Amino acid sequence: MHRSADDPGRRPKMNNRETGIDPTPAPGTTCTVDTAEELRHLHRLEVEIEAAFPDLPADKVRTTVEQTWLGFLYAPVRDFVPLLVRRQALDELRHLTSR
């Protein structure tokens, strides 16, 4: 069943004016997010994954997480993006450390 944008059961996409988040990447980062909740998820993932790979440079871990997040930027269902990003970033970093 297709829902229209006017359907009250559909979660509206928040714009940057509503969230207060600047859409441009912060200095030293490459990633943008759409909501404050996604920004919190992204930060938690970076901290968690940095702790899991203490031998890797923190900027390499952050870049991997951010680039992975960007791969899901246009995913229509946002609820699972943090889980998918976590899984994919961990796999990529494990591959790097196993060489």
PDB file of N, CA and C in Angstrom:
ATOM      1  N   MET A   1       0.835  -1.183   0.000  1.00  0.00           N
ATOM      2  CA  MET A   1       0.000   0.000   0.000  1.00  0.00           C
ATOM      3  C   MET A   1       0.880   1.247   0.000  1.00  0.00           C
ATOM      4  N   HIS A   2       0.647   2.124  -0.913  1.00  0.00           N
ATOM      5  CA  HIS A   2       1.420   3.353  -1.023  1.00  0.00           C
ATOM      6  C   HIS A   2       0.750   4.459  -0.216  1.00  0.00           C
ATOM      7  N   ARG A   3       1.525   5.134   0.618  1.00  0.00           N
ATOM      8  CA  ARG A   3       0.987   6.249   1.405  1.00  0.00           C
ATOM      9  C   ARG A   3       1.440   7.564   0.796  1.00  0.00           C
ATOM     10  N   SER A   4       0.559   8.507   0.806  1.00  0.00           N
ATOM     11  CA  SER A   4       0.922   9.821   0.285  1.00  0.00           C
ATOM     12  C   SER A   4       1.632  10.623   1.362  1.00  0.00           C
ATOM     13  N   ALA A   5       2.273  11.699   0.962  1.00  0.00           N
ATOM     14  CA  ALA A   5       2.982  12.568   1.910  1.00  0.00           C
ATOM     15  C   ALA A   5       2.018  13.209   2.902  1.00  0.00           C
ATOM     16  N   ASP A   6       0.730  13.281   2.548  1.00  0.00           N
ATOM     17  CA  ASP A   6      -0.266  13.890   3.438  1.00  0.00           C
ATOM     18  C   ASP A   6      -0.820  12.913   4.462  1.00  0.00           C
ATOM     19  N   ASP A   7      -0.487  11.644   4.320  1.00  0.00           N
ATOM     20  CA  ASP A   7      -0.999  10.604   5.215  1.00  0.00           C
ATOM     21  C   ASP A   7      -0.459  10.821   6.626  1.00  0.00           C
ATOM     22  N   PRO A   8      -1.320  10.933   7.640  1.00  0.00           N
ATOM     23  CA  PRO A   8      -0.844  11.159   9.000  1.00  0.00           C
ATOM     24  C   PRO A   8      -0.057   9.980   9.565  1.00  0.00           C
ATOM     25  N   GLY A   9      -0.173   8.782   8.975  1.00  0.00           N
ATOM     26  CA  GLY A   9       0.577   7.632   9.438  1.00  0.00           C
ATOM     27  C   GLY A   9       2.014   7.614   8.942  1.00  0.00           C
ATOM     28  N   ARG A  10       2.329   8.484   8.035  1.00  0.00           N
ATOM     29  CA  ARG A  10       3.675   8.537   7.471  1.00  0.00           C
ATOM     30  C   ARG A  10       4.499   9.557   8.239  1.00  0.00           C
ATOM     31  N   ARG A  11       5.704   9.157   8.640  1.00  0.00           N
ATOM     32  CA  ARG A  11       6.588  10.076   9.354  1.00  0.00           C
ATOM     33  C   ARG A  11       7.141  11.106   8.372  1.00  0.00           C
ATOM     34  N   PRO A  12       6.909  12.380   8.617  1.00  0.00           N
ATOM     35  CA  PRO A  12       7.394  13.392   7.682  1.00  0.00           C
ATOM     36  C   PRO A  12       8.916  13.522   7.742  1.00  0.00           C
ATOM     37  N   LYS A  13       9.518  13.796   6.613  1.00  0.00           N
ATOM     38  CA  LYS A  13      10.948  14.040   6.555  1.00  0.00           C
ATOM     39  C   LYS A  13      11.200  15.427   7.102  1.00  0.00           C
ATOM     40  N   MET A  14      12.023  15.524   8.118  1.00  0.00           N
ATOM     41  CA  MET A  14      12.308  16.824   8.725  1.00  0.00           C
ATOM     42  C   MET A  14      13.359  17.543   7.891  1.00  0.00           C
ATOM     43  N   ASN A  15      13.196  18.818   7.737  1.00  0.00           N
ATOM     44  CA  ASN A  15      14.207  19.571   7.027  1.00  0.00           C
ATOM     45  C   ASN A  15      15.181  20.185   8.024  1.00  0.00           C
ATOM     46  N   ASN A  16      16.260  20.728   7.527  1.00  0.00           N
ATOM     47  CA  ASN A  16      17.309  21.249   8.392  1.00  0.00           C
ATOM     48  C   ASN A  16      16.858  22.444   9.220  1.00  0.00           C
ATOM     49  N   ARG A  17      15.901  23.194   8.731  1.00  0.00           N
ATOM     50  CA  ARG A  17      15.382  24.330   9.488  1.00  0.00           C
ATOM     51  C   ARG A  17      14.669  23.839  10.751  1.00  0.00           C
ATOM     52  N   GLU A  18      13.945  22.714  10.654  1.00  0.00           N
ATOM     53  CA  GLU A  18      13.235  22.172  11.813  1.00  0.00           C
ATOM     54  C   GLU A  18      14.185  21.538  12.823  1.00  0.00           C
ATOM     55  N   THR A  19      15.247  20.916  12.358  1.00  0.00           N
ATOM     56  CA  THR A  19      16.149  20.212  13.262  1.00  0.00           C
ATOM     57  C   THR A  19      17.219  21.127  13.836  1.00  0.00           C
ATOM     58  N   GLY A  20      17.514  22.209  13.145  1.00  0.00           N
ATOM     59  CA  GLY A  20      18.582  23.091  13.594  1.00  0.00           C
ATOM     60  C   GLY A  20      19.961  22.586  13.227  1.00  0.00           C
ATOM     61  N   ILE A  21      20.046  21.540  12.427  1.00  0.00           N
ATOM     62  CA  ILE A  21      21.327  20.978  12.028  1.00  0.00           C
ATOM     63  C   ILE A  21      21.764  21.611  10.718  1.00  0.00           C
ATOM     64  N   ASP A  22      22.988  22.089  10.696  1.00  0.00           N
ATOM     65  CA  ASP A  22      23.564  22.649   9.488  1.00  0.00           C
ATOM     66  C   ASP A  22      23.856  21.500   8.520  1.00  0.00           C
ATOM     67  N   PRO A  23      23.347  21.550   7.284  1.00  0.00           N
ATOM     68  CA  PRO A  23      23.536  20.437   6.361  1.00  0.00           C
ATOM     69  C   PRO A  23      24.960  20.299   5.833  1.00  0.00           C
ATOM     70  N   THR A  24      25.806  21.292   6.035  1.00  0.00           N
ATOM     71  CA  THR A  24      27.178  21.185   5.550  1.00  0.00           C
ATOM     72  C   THR A  24      28.013  20.391   6.543  1.00  0.00           C
ATOM     73  N   PRO A  25      28.933  19.575   6.038  1.00  0.00           N
ATOM     74  CA  PRO A  25      29.767  18.797   6.947  1.00  0.00           C
ATOM     75  C   PRO A  25      30.610  19.692   7.846  1.00  0.00           C
ATOM     76  N   ALA A  26      30.830  19.253   9.066  1.00  0.00           N
ATOM     77  CA  ALA A  26      31.696  19.976   9.990  1.00  0.00           C
ATOM     78  C   ALA A  26      33.132  19.883   9.486  1.00  0.00           C
ATOM     79  N   PRO A  27      33.986  20.842   9.846  1.00  0.00           N
ATOM     80  CA  PRO A  27      35.385  20.762   9.418  1.00  0.00           C
ATOM     81  C   PRO A  27      36.007  19.438   9.838  1.00  0.00           C
ATOM     82  N   GLY A  28      36.685  18.816   8.916  1.00  0.00           N
ATOM     83  CA  GLY A  28      37.332  17.543   9.199  1.00  0.00           C
ATOM     84  C   GLY A  28      36.432  16.329   9.045  1.00  0.00           C
ATOM     85  N   THR A  29      35.154  16.537   8.648  1.00  0.00           N
ATOM     86  CA  THR A  29      34.251  15.407   8.441  1.00  0.00           C
ATOM     87  C   THR A  29      33.717  15.467   7.022  1.00  0.00           C
ATOM     88  N   THR A  30      33.102  14.381   6.610  1.00  0.00           N
ATOM     89  CA  THR A  30      32.582  14.304   5.245  1.00  0.00           C
ATOM     90  C   THR A  30      31.104  13.993   5.213  1.00  0.00           C
ATOM     91  N   CYS A  31      30.478  13.889   6.371  1.00  0.00           N
ATOM     92  CA  CYS A  31      29.132  13.347   6.441  1.00  0.00           C
ATOM     93  C   CYS A  31      28.107  14.393   6.869  1.00  0.00           C
ATOM     94  N   THR A  32      26.928  14.307   6.294  1.00  0.00           N
ATOM     95  CA  THR A  32      25.808  15.114   6.747  1.00  0.00           C
ATOM     96  C   THR A  32      24.705  14.179   7.211  1.00  0.00           C
ATOM     97  N   VAL A  33      23.868  14.660   8.105  1.00  0.00           N
ATOM     98  CA  VAL A  33      22.747  13.867   8.599  1.00  0.00           C
ATOM     99  C   VAL A  33      21.491  14.717   8.536  1.00  0.00           C
ATOM    100  N   ASP A  34      20.334  14.059   8.593  1.00  0.00           N
ATOM    101  CA  ASP A  34      19.075  14.760   8.428  1.00  0.00           C
ATOM    102  C   ASP A  34      18.406  15.177   9.728  1.00  0.00           C
ATOM    103  N   THR A  35      18.657  14.467  10.806  1.00  0.00           N
ATOM    104  CA  THR A  35      17.984  14.780  12.055  1.00  0.00           C
ATOM    105  C   THR A  35      18.949  14.716  13.223  1.00  0.00           C
ATOM    106  N   ALA A  36      18.560  15.323  14.323  1.00  0.00           N
ATOM    107  CA  ALA A  36      19.387  15.276  15.530  1.00  0.00           C
ATOM    108  C   ALA A  36      19.529  13.842  16.019  1.00  0.00           C
ATOM    109  N   GLU A  37      18.494  13.038  15.865  1.00  0.00           N
ATOM    110  CA  GLU A  37      18.562  11.634  16.284  1.00  0.00           C
ATOM    111  C   GLU A  37      19.613  10.877  15.478  1.00  0.00           C
ATOM    112  N   GLU A  38      19.663  11.114  14.183  1.00  0.00           N
ATOM    113  CA  GLU A  38      20.670  10.456  13.352  1.00  0.00           C
ATOM    114  C   GLU A  38      22.070  10.926  13.729  1.00  0.00           C
ATOM    115  N   LEU A  39      22.208  12.185  14.057  1.00  0.00           N
ATOM    116  CA  LEU A  39      23.501  12.707  14.472  1.00  0.00           C
ATOM    117  C   LEU A  39      23.972  12.007  15.753  1.00  0.00           C
ATOM    118  N   ARG A  40      23.059  11.781  16.694  1.00  0.00           N
ATOM    119  CA  ARG A  40      23.406  11.053  17.923  1.00  0.00           C
ATOM    120  C   ARG A  40      23.814   9.619  17.607  1.00  0.00           C
ATOM    121  N   HIS A  41      23.077   8.961  16.721  1.00  0.00           N
ATOM    122  CA  HIS A  41      23.429   7.597  16.325  1.00  0.00           C
ATOM    123  C   HIS A  41      24.815   7.556  15.685  1.00  0.00           C
ATOM    124  N   LEU A  42      25.080   8.492  14.803  1.00  0.00           N
ATOM    125  CA  LEU A  42      26.366   8.540  14.122  1.00  0.00           C
ATOM    126  C   LEU A  42      27.490   8.717  15.135  1.00  0.00           C
ATOM    127  N   HIS A  43      27.328   9.635  16.067  1.00  0.00           N
ATOM    128  CA  HIS A  43      28.362   9.878  17.079  1.00  0.00           C
ATOM    129  C   HIS A  43      28.578   8.632  17.941  1.00  0.00           C
ATOM    130  N   ARG A  44      27.487   7.998  18.386  1.00  0.00           N
ATOM    131  CA  ARG A  44      27.609   6.779  19.210  1.00  0.00           C
ATOM    132  C   ARG A  44      28.340   5.674  18.456  1.00  0.00           C
ATOM    133  N   LEU A  45      28.035   5.527  17.173  1.00  0.00           N
ATOM    134  CA  LEU A  45      28.714   4.518  16.369  1.00  0.00           C
ATOM    135  C   LEU A  45      30.205   4.806  16.276  1.00  0.00           C
ATOM    136  N   GLU A  46      30.547   6.059  16.044  1.00  0.00           N
ATOM    137  CA  GLU A  46      31.966   6.416  15.949  1.00  0.00           C
ATOM    138  C   GLU A  46      32.699   6.091  17.239  1.00  0.00           C
ATOM    139  N   VAL A  47      32.111   6.445  18.381  1.00  0.00           N
ATOM    140  CA  VAL A  47      32.738   6.187  19.675  1.00  0.00           C
ATOM    141  C   VAL A  47      32.869   4.683  19.915  1.00  0.00           C
ATOM    142  N   GLU A  48      31.798   3.948  19.665  1.00  0.00           N
ATOM    143  CA  GLU A  48      31.797   2.499  19.884  1.00  0.00           C
ATOM    144  C   GLU A  48      32.832   1.800  19.004  1.00  0.00           C
ATOM    145  N   ILE A  49      32.873   2.166  17.745  1.00  0.00           N
ATOM    146  CA  ILE A  49      33.766   1.480  16.819  1.00  0.00           C
ATOM    147  C   ILE A  49      35.217   1.908  17.039  1.00  0.00           C
ATOM    148  N   GLU A  50      35.449   3.154  17.429  1.00  0.00           N
ATOM    149  CA  GLU A  50      36.807   3.571  17.783  1.00  0.00           C
ATOM    150  C   GLU A  50      37.320   2.727  18.950  1.00  0.00           C
ATOM    151  N   ALA A  51      36.472   2.467  19.927  1.00  0.00           N
ATOM    152  CA  ALA A  51      36.865   1.658  21.089  1.00  0.00           C
ATOM    153  C   ALA A  51      37.163   0.211  20.680  1.00  0.00           C
ATOM    154  N   ALA A  52      36.466  -0.288  19.676  1.00  0.00           N
ATOM    155  CA  ALA A  52      36.677  -1.659  19.219  1.00  0.00           C
ATOM    156  C   ALA A  52      37.974  -1.820  18.422  1.00  0.00           C
ATOM    157  N   PHE A  53      38.498  -0.717  17.907  1.00  0.00           N
ATOM    158  CA  PHE A  53      39.725  -0.751  17.100  1.00  0.00           C
ATOM    159  C   PHE A  53      40.733   0.278  17.623  1.00  0.00           C
ATOM    160  N   PRO A  54      41.242   0.074  18.830  1.00  0.00           N
ATOM    161  CA  PRO A  54      42.155   1.062  19.419  1.00  0.00           C
ATOM    162  C   PRO A  54      43.469   1.203  18.661  1.00  0.00           C
ATOM    163  N   ASP A  55      43.849   0.191  17.869  1.00  0.00           N
ATOM    164  CA  ASP A  55      45.108   0.260  17.129  1.00  0.00           C
ATOM    165  C   ASP A  55      45.004   1.038  15.825  1.00  0.00           C
ATOM    166  N   LEU A  56      43.790   1.316  15.390  1.00  0.00           N
ATOM    167  CA  LEU A  56      43.596   2.102  14.169  1.00  0.00           C
ATOM    168  C   LEU A  56      43.486   3.576  14.515  1.00  0.00           C
ATOM    169  N   PRO A  57      43.973   4.451  13.635  1.00  0.00           N
ATOM    170  CA  PRO A  57      43.805   5.889  13.875  1.00  0.00           C
ATOM    171  C   PRO A  57      42.316   6.257  13.954  1.00  0.00           C
ATOM    172  N   ALA A  58      41.978   7.105  14.910  1.00  0.00           N
ATOM    173  CA  ALA A  58      40.578   7.498  15.113  1.00  0.00           C
ATOM    174  C   ALA A  58      39.992   8.131  13.858  1.00  0.00           C
ATOM    175  N   ASP A  59      40.788   8.900  13.121  1.00  0.00           N
ATOM    176  CA  ASP A  59      40.250   9.536  11.916  1.00  0.00           C
ATOM    177  C   ASP A  59      39.919   8.499  10.840  1.00  0.00           C
ATOM    178  N   LYS A  60      40.648   7.384  10.792  1.00  0.00           N
ATOM    179  CA  LYS A  60      40.337   6.314   9.831  1.00  0.00           C
ATOM    180  C   LYS A  60      39.004   5.664  10.195  1.00  0.00           C
ATOM    181  N   VAL A  61      38.789   5.441  11.488  1.00  0.00           N
ATOM    182  CA  VAL A  61      37.536   4.838  11.941  1.00  0.00           C
ATOM    183  C   VAL A  61      36.374   5.783  11.651  1.00  0.00           C
ATOM    184  N   ARG A  62      36.525   7.064  12.008  1.00  0.00           N
ATOM    185  CA  ARG A  62      35.453   8.037  11.758  1.00  0.00           C
ATOM    186  C   ARG A  62      35.137   8.140  10.273  1.00  0.00           C
ATOM    187  N   THR A  63      36.173   8.199   9.452  1.00  0.00           N
ATOM    188  CA  THR A  63      35.959   8.299   8.005  1.00  0.00           C
ATOM    189  C   THR A  63      35.225   7.071   7.477  1.00  0.00           C
ATOM    190  N   THR A  64      35.593   5.896   7.972  1.00  0.00           N
ATOM    191  CA  THR A  64      34.924   4.666   7.539  1.00  0.00           C
ATOM    192  C   THR A  64      33.447   4.695   7.924  1.00  0.00           C
ATOM    193  N   VAL A  65      33.160   5.083   9.158  1.00  0.00           N
ATOM    194  CA  VAL A  65      31.763   5.145   9.615  1.00  0.00           C
ATOM    195  C   VAL A  65      30.988   6.182   8.804  1.00  0.00           C
ATOM    196  N   GLU A  66      31.569   7.352   8.598  1.00  0.00           N
ATOM    197  CA  GLU A  66      30.880   8.416   7.865  1.00  0.00           C
ATOM    198  C   GLU A  66      30.647   8.045   6.408  1.00  0.00           C
ATOM    199  N   GLN A  67      31.640   7.443   5.777  1.00  0.00           N
ATOM    200  CA  GLN A  67      31.481   7.034   4.381  1.00  0.00           C
ATOM    201  C   GLN A  67      30.423   5.932   4.255  1.00  0.00           C
ATOM    202  N   THR A  68      30.406   5.036   5.233  1.00  0.00           N
ATOM    203  CA  THR A  68      29.382   3.995   5.229  1.00  0.00           C
ATOM    204  C   THR A  68      28.003   4.614   5.398  1.00  0.00           C
ATOM    205  N   TRP A  69      27.892   5.592   6.311  1.00  0.00           N
ATOM    206  CA  TRP A  69      26.613   6.291   6.530  1.00  0.00           C
ATOM    207  C   TRP A  69      26.143   6.941   5.230  1.00  0.00           C
ATOM    208  N   LEU A  70      27.065   7.561   4.517  1.00  0.00           N
ATOM    209  CA  LEU A  70      26.703   8.214   3.255  1.00  0.00           C
ATOM    210  C   LEU A  70      26.137   7.215   2.245  1.00  0.00           C
ATOM    211  N   GLY A  71      26.577   5.971   2.319  1.00  0.00           N
ATOM    212  CA  GLY A  71      26.047   4.946   1.429  1.00  0.00           C
ATOM    213  C   GLY A  71      24.567   4.672   1.651  1.00  0.00           C
ATOM    214  N   PHE A  72      24.079   5.038   2.838  1.00  0.00           N
ATOM    215  CA  PHE A  72      22.667   4.833   3.171  1.00  0.00           C
ATOM    216  C   PHE A  72      21.893   6.155   3.198  1.00  0.00           C
ATOM    217  N   LEU A  73      22.490   7.202   2.673  1.00  0.00           N
ATOM    218  CA  LEU A  73      21.908   8.542   2.745  1.00  0.00           C
ATOM    219  C   LEU A  73      20.492   8.603   2.175  1.00  0.00           C
ATOM    220  N   TYR A  74      20.237   7.870   1.117  1.00  0.00           N
ATOM    221  CA  TYR A  74      18.919   7.927   0.472  1.00  0.00           C
ATOM    222  C   TYR A  74      18.073   6.691   0.760  1.00  0.00           C
ATOM    223  N   ALA A  75      18.443   5.944   1.796  1.00  0.00           N
ATOM    224  CA  ALA A  75      17.635   4.777   2.160  1.00  0.00           C
ATOM    225  C   ALA A  75      16.251   5.245   2.587  1.00  0.00           C
ATOM    226  N   PRO A  76      15.186   4.695   2.009  1.00  0.00           N
ATOM    227  CA  PRO A  76      13.850   5.170   2.333  1.00  0.00           C
ATOM    228  C   PRO A  76      13.414   4.835   3.764  1.00  0.00           C
ATOM    229  N   VAL A  77      13.920   3.739   4.302  1.00  0.00           N
ATOM    230  CA  VAL A  77      13.602   3.368   5.682  1.00  0.00           C
ATOM    231  C   VAL A  77      14.827   3.697   6.524  1.00  0.00           C
ATOM    232  N   ARG A  78      14.696   4.680   7.412  1.00  0.00           N
ATOM    233  CA  ARG A  78      15.840   5.176   8.179  1.00  0.00           C
ATOM    234  C   ARG A  78      16.080   4.419   9.480  1.00  0.00           C
ATOM    235  N   ASP A  79      15.089   3.667   9.943  1.00  0.00           N
ATOM    236  CA  ASP A  79      15.175   3.019  11.254  1.00  0.00           C
ATOM    237  C   ASP A  79      16.361   2.072  11.389  1.00  0.00           C
ATOM    238  N   PHE A  80      16.747   1.414  10.326  1.00  0.00           N
ATOM    239  CA  PHE A  80      17.794   0.406  10.397  1.00  0.00           C
ATOM    240  C   PHE A  80      19.157   0.912   9.941  1.00  0.00           C
ATOM    241  N   VAL A  81      19.254   2.166   9.557  1.00  0.00           N
ATOM    242  CA  VAL A  81      20.524   2.700   9.062  1.00  0.00           C
ATOM    243  C   VAL A  81      21.644   2.546  10.097  1.00  0.00           C
ATOM    244  N   PRO A  82      21.443   2.911  11.363  1.00  0.00           N
ATOM    245  CA  PRO A  82      22.555   2.742  12.318  1.00  0.00           C
ATOM    246  C   PRO A  82      23.041   1.288  12.423  1.00  0.00           C
ATOM    247  N   LEU A  83      22.119   0.337  12.447  1.00  0.00           N
ATOM    248  CA  LEU A  83      22.498  -1.068  12.528  1.00  0.00           C
ATOM    249  C   LEU A  83      23.280  -1.501  11.285  1.00  0.00           C
ATOM    250  N   LEU A  84      22.806  -1.116  10.126  1.00  0.00           N
ATOM    251  CA  LEU A  84      23.472  -1.481   8.881  1.00  0.00           C
ATOM    252  C   LEU A  84      24.841  -0.829   8.760  1.00  0.00           C
ATOM    253  N   VAL A  85      24.933   0.436   9.167  1.00  0.00           N
ATOM    254  CA  VAL A  85      26.216   1.142   9.135  1.00  0.00           C
ATOM    255  C   VAL A  85      27.199   0.466  10.083  1.00  0.00           C
ATOM    256  N   ARG A  86      26.739   0.149  11.292  1.00  0.00           N
ATOM    257  CA  ARG A  86      27.606  -0.507  12.272  1.00  0.00           C
ATOM    258  C   ARG A  86      28.168  -1.806  11.702  1.00  0.00           C
ATOM    259  N   ARG A  87      27.293  -2.638  11.174  1.00  0.00           N
ATOM    260  CA  ARG A  87      27.706  -3.942  10.643  1.00  0.00           C
ATOM    261  C   ARG A  87      28.704  -3.792   9.502  1.00  0.00           C
ATOM    262  N   GLN A  88      28.395  -2.912   8.573  1.00  0.00           N
ATOM    263  CA  GLN A  88      29.261  -2.751   7.394  1.00  0.00           C
ATOM    264  C   GLN A  88      30.604  -2.119   7.770  1.00  0.00           C
ATOM    265  N   ALA A  89      30.598  -1.111   8.636  1.00  0.00           N
ATOM    266  CA  ALA A  89      31.841  -0.458   9.044  1.00  0.00           C
ATOM    267  C   ALA A  89      32.727  -1.429   9.824  1.00  0.00           C
ATOM    268  N   LEU A  90      32.133  -2.219  10.730  1.00  0.00           N
ATOM    269  CA  LEU A  90      32.911  -3.212  11.471  1.00  0.00           C
ATOM    270  C   LEU A  90      33.544  -4.221  10.519  1.00  0.00           C
ATOM    271  N   ASP A  91      32.788  -4.690   9.556  1.00  0.00           N
ATOM    272  CA  ASP A  91      33.324  -5.650   8.587  1.00  0.00           C
ATOM    273  C   ASP A  91      34.503  -5.055   7.819  1.00  0.00           C
ATOM    274  N   GLU A  92      34.354  -3.818   7.374  1.00  0.00           N
ATOM    275  CA  GLU A  92      35.415  -3.174   6.607  1.00  0.00           C
ATOM    276  C   GLU A  92      36.672  -2.981   7.453  1.00  0.00           C
ATOM    277  N   LEU A  93      36.497  -2.541   8.687  1.00  0.00           N
ATOM    278  CA  LEU A  93      37.655  -2.312   9.557  1.00  0.00           C
ATOM    279  C   LEU A  93      38.313  -3.633   9.967  1.00  0.00           C
ATOM    280  N   ARG A  94      37.528  -4.681  10.182  1.00  0.00           N
ATOM    281  CA  ARG A  94      38.102  -5.999  10.475  1.00  0.00           C
ATOM    282  C   ARG A  94      38.946  -6.477   9.304  1.00  0.00           C
ATOM    283  N   HIS A  95      38.446  -6.235   8.108  1.00  0.00           N
ATOM    284  CA  HIS A  95      39.185  -6.617   6.904  1.00  0.00           C
ATOM    285  C   HIS A  95      40.519  -5.871   6.849  1.00  0.00           C
ATOM    286  N   LEU A  96      40.520  -4.602   7.186  1.00  0.00           N
ATOM    287  CA  LEU A  96      41.757  -3.812   7.182  1.00  0.00           C
ATOM    288  C   LEU A  96      42.772  -4.332   8.194  1.00  0.00           C
ATOM    289  N   THR A  97      42.284  -4.721   9.366  1.00  0.00           N
ATOM    290  CA  THR A  97      43.202  -5.143  10.423  1.00  0.00           C
ATOM    291  C   THR A  97      43.666  -6.587  10.255  1.00  0.00           C
ATOM    292  N   SER A  98      43.028  -7.357   9.377  1.00  0.00           N
ATOM    293  CA  SER A  98      43.418  -8.755   9.190  1.00  0.00           C
ATOM    294  C   SER A  98      44.493  -8.922   8.124  1.00  0.00           C
ATOM    295  N   ARG A  99      44.880  -7.863   7.484  1.00  0.00           N
ATOM    296  CA  ARG A  99      45.891  -7.952   6.418  1.00  0.00           C
ATOM    297  C   ARG A  99      47.264  -8.168   6.985  1.00  0.00           C
TER     298      ARG A  99
END
